[in-house]
Amino acid sequence: MTELHYLELTELGARIESREVSSVEATRAQLERIAALDSALGAYCVAMADSALVQSAAADAEIAAGTYRGPLHVVSVAVKDLCWTKGVPTAGGMAIHMDFRPGEDAAVVRRFAHAGAVLLGKPQLTEGAYADQASTEWHRRHPTI
């Protein structure tokens, strides 16, 4: 079988909906990939493994009960660190905000939750999310990623 992280979101969603793959299995595969690669890449400032596994188990239960919310249901996603996520550090790439934990979710986070998507975490941003990512030091050091 193709490794789950190489599948298009719609294909993965269809496999989960048909119960060929569980959302928990897909989420664990993504979290394992993050754990295996992120120490070298530094792509995530916050990984949300515990809550992602809870969300994916709930999504599997919904599908088992016959509830399917649409193409993003049970699919793992990440949101930029600029997006407020209730109770989760949201720094926008800025060290001075590293302890900021919003009291509410941003609209995009609410919409993903409503669609049944599983939130894996937040990718790292440049300072203040100001620079174009293609010109950042990280991309200069990792041109093939």
Protein backbone atom coordinates (compact mmCIF):
# COMPACT_ATOMS: atom_id res chain seq x y z
CA MET A 1 0.00 0.00 0.00
CA THR A 2 1.14 3.54 -0.75
CA GLU A 3 2.40 5.31 2.35
CA LEU A 4 -0.49 7.36 3.66
CA HIS A 5 1.39 10.66 3.69
CA TYR A 6 1.82 10.47 -0.11
CA LEU A 7 -1.91 10.24 -0.81
CA GLU A 8 -3.91 13.25 -1.93
CA LEU A 9 -6.25 14.48 0.81
CA THR A 10 -9.33 13.48 -1.17
CA GLU A 11 -7.98 9.96 -1.74
CA LEU A 12 -7.08 9.54 1.92
CA GLY A 13 -10.49 10.86 2.94
CA ALA A 14 -12.20 8.35 0.63
CA ARG A 15 -10.16 5.48 2.08
CA ILE A 16 -11.10 6.54 5.59
CA GLU A 17 -14.76 6.96 4.68
CA SER A 18 -14.81 3.45 3.18
CA ARG A 19 -13.09 2.22 6.38
CA GLU A 20 -10.15 0.79 4.42
CA VAL A 21 -8.00 2.91 6.74
CA SER A 22 -9.02 4.40 10.08
CA SER A 23 -8.58 8.05 10.90
CA VAL A 24 -6.56 7.02 13.96
CA GLU A 25 -4.24 4.97 11.74
CA ALA A 26 -3.79 7.86 9.30
CA THR A 27 -3.23 10.35 12.12
CA ARG A 28 -0.67 8.11 13.81
CA ALA A 29 1.17 7.71 10.50
CA GLN A 30 1.34 11.49 10.10
CA LEU A 31 2.45 12.02 13.70
CA GLU A 32 5.15 9.34 13.32
CA ARG A 33 6.40 11.07 10.17
CA ILE A 34 6.50 14.41 11.98
CA ALA A 35 8.41 12.82 14.88
CA ALA A 36 10.87 11.14 12.52
CA LEU A 37 11.63 14.19 10.37
CA ASP A 38 10.94 17.29 12.40
CA SER A 39 14.14 17.31 14.44
CA ALA A 40 16.03 17.82 11.17
CA LEU A 41 13.45 20.01 9.45
CA GLY A 42 12.12 22.15 12.28
CA ALA A 43 8.85 22.42 10.38
CA TYR A 44 6.51 22.35 13.38
CA CYS A 45 6.54 24.77 16.28
CA VAL A 46 3.64 22.88 17.91
CA ALA A 47 2.62 19.28 17.31
CA MET A 48 -0.75 18.43 18.82
CA ALA A 49 -0.49 14.63 19.01
CA ASP A 50 -2.82 14.02 21.97
CA SER A 51 -5.69 16.16 20.72
CA ALA A 52 -5.21 14.91 17.14
CA LEU A 53 -5.62 11.32 18.29
CA VAL A 54 -8.74 12.23 20.29
CA GLN A 55 -10.18 14.05 17.24
CA SER A 56 -9.39 11.14 14.91
CA ALA A 57 -10.98 8.59 17.27
CA ALA A 58 -14.13 10.75 17.43
CA ALA A 59 -14.14 11.03 13.64
CA ASP A 60 -13.85 7.23 13.28
CA ALA A 61 -16.82 6.85 15.65
CA GLU A 62 -18.88 9.31 13.59
CA ILE A 63 -18.14 7.44 10.37
CA ALA A 64 -18.94 4.11 12.03
CA ALA A 65 -22.30 5.61 13.07
CA GLY A 66 -22.99 6.66 9.47
CA THR A 67 -22.14 10.35 9.79
CA TYR A 68 -19.88 11.72 7.08
CA ARG A 69 -19.28 15.49 7.06
CA GLY A 70 -17.59 15.75 3.67
CA PRO A 71 -14.18 15.52 2.00
CA LEU A 72 -12.20 16.98 4.93
CA HIS A 73 -13.84 14.74 7.52
CA VAL A 74 -11.11 12.73 9.29
CA VAL A 75 -8.30 14.22 7.16
CA SER A 76 -5.22 15.52 9.03
CA VAL A 77 -4.30 19.18 8.52
CA ALA A 78 -2.01 21.80 10.03
CA VAL A 79 -2.70 25.52 10.43
CA LYS A 80 -0.14 28.30 10.39
CA ASP A 81 1.02 29.55 13.75
CA LEU A 82 -0.74 32.84 12.93
CA CYS A 83 -4.13 31.14 13.35
CA TRP A 84 -5.52 31.43 16.83
CA THR A 85 -6.16 28.01 18.31
CA LYS A 86 -7.87 27.99 21.69
CA GLY A 87 -5.46 27.04 24.47
CA VAL A 88 -2.59 26.26 22.06
CA PRO A 89 0.57 28.41 21.87
CA THR A 90 0.18 30.85 18.96
CA ALA A 91 3.27 32.96 18.45
CA GLY A 92 3.23 33.88 14.76
CA GLY A 93 6.92 33.02 14.65
CA MET A 94 7.76 35.58 17.32
CA ALA A 95 9.59 34.63 20.51
CA ILE A 96 7.89 37.43 22.46
CA HIS A 97 4.52 35.69 21.88
CA MET A 98 5.64 32.12 22.60
CA ASP A 99 3.49 31.91 25.75
CA PHE A 100 0.36 33.39 24.16
CA ARG A 101 -2.59 30.97 24.26
CA PRO A 102 -5.72 32.40 22.64
CA GLY A 103 -9.09 32.05 24.33
CA GLU A 104 -10.82 31.26 21.04
CA ASP A 105 -10.24 29.67 17.65
CA ALA A 106 -9.69 31.57 14.41
CA ALA A 107 -12.40 31.19 11.75
CA VAL A 108 -10.26 28.77 9.73
CA VAL A 109 -9.72 26.56 12.79
CA ARG A 110 -13.46 26.59 13.54
CA ARG A 111 -14.25 25.73 9.92
CA PHE A 112 -11.78 22.83 9.88
CA ALA A 113 -13.33 21.54 13.13
CA HIS A 114 -16.84 21.86 11.70
CA ALA A 115 -15.70 19.91 8.60
CA GLY A 116 -14.31 17.19 10.88
CA ALA A 117 -10.65 17.71 9.99
CA VAL A 118 -8.01 16.52 12.47
CA LEU A 119 -5.57 19.25 13.54
CA LEU A 120 -2.01 17.88 13.72
CA GLY A 121 -0.32 21.08 14.82
CA LYS A 122 1.20 24.33 13.67
CA PRO A 123 4.06 24.75 11.21
CA GLN A 124 6.94 27.05 12.10
CA LEU A 125 6.89 30.55 10.61
CA THR A 126 9.53 33.17 10.02
CA GLU A 127 9.69 36.03 12.53
CA GLY A 128 6.27 37.65 12.46
CA ALA A 129 5.47 35.61 9.34
CA TYR A 130 6.93 38.55 7.45
CA ALA A 131 9.42 37.10 4.95
CA ASP A 132 8.48 35.23 1.81
CA GLN A 133 9.06 31.57 2.66
CA ALA A 134 11.01 30.93 -0.57
CA SER A 135 13.64 33.42 0.58
CA THR A 136 14.03 32.29 4.17
CA GLU A 137 17.21 30.77 5.52
CA TRP A 138 15.45 27.47 6.14
CA HIS A 139 14.58 27.10 2.47
CA ARG A 140 18.10 28.08 1.41
CA ARG A 141 19.46 25.28 3.61
CA HIS A 142 16.86 22.72 2.43
CA PRO A 143 16.32 23.49 -1.27
CA THR A 144 14.96 20.04 -2.16
CA ILE A 145 12.29 19.82 0.55
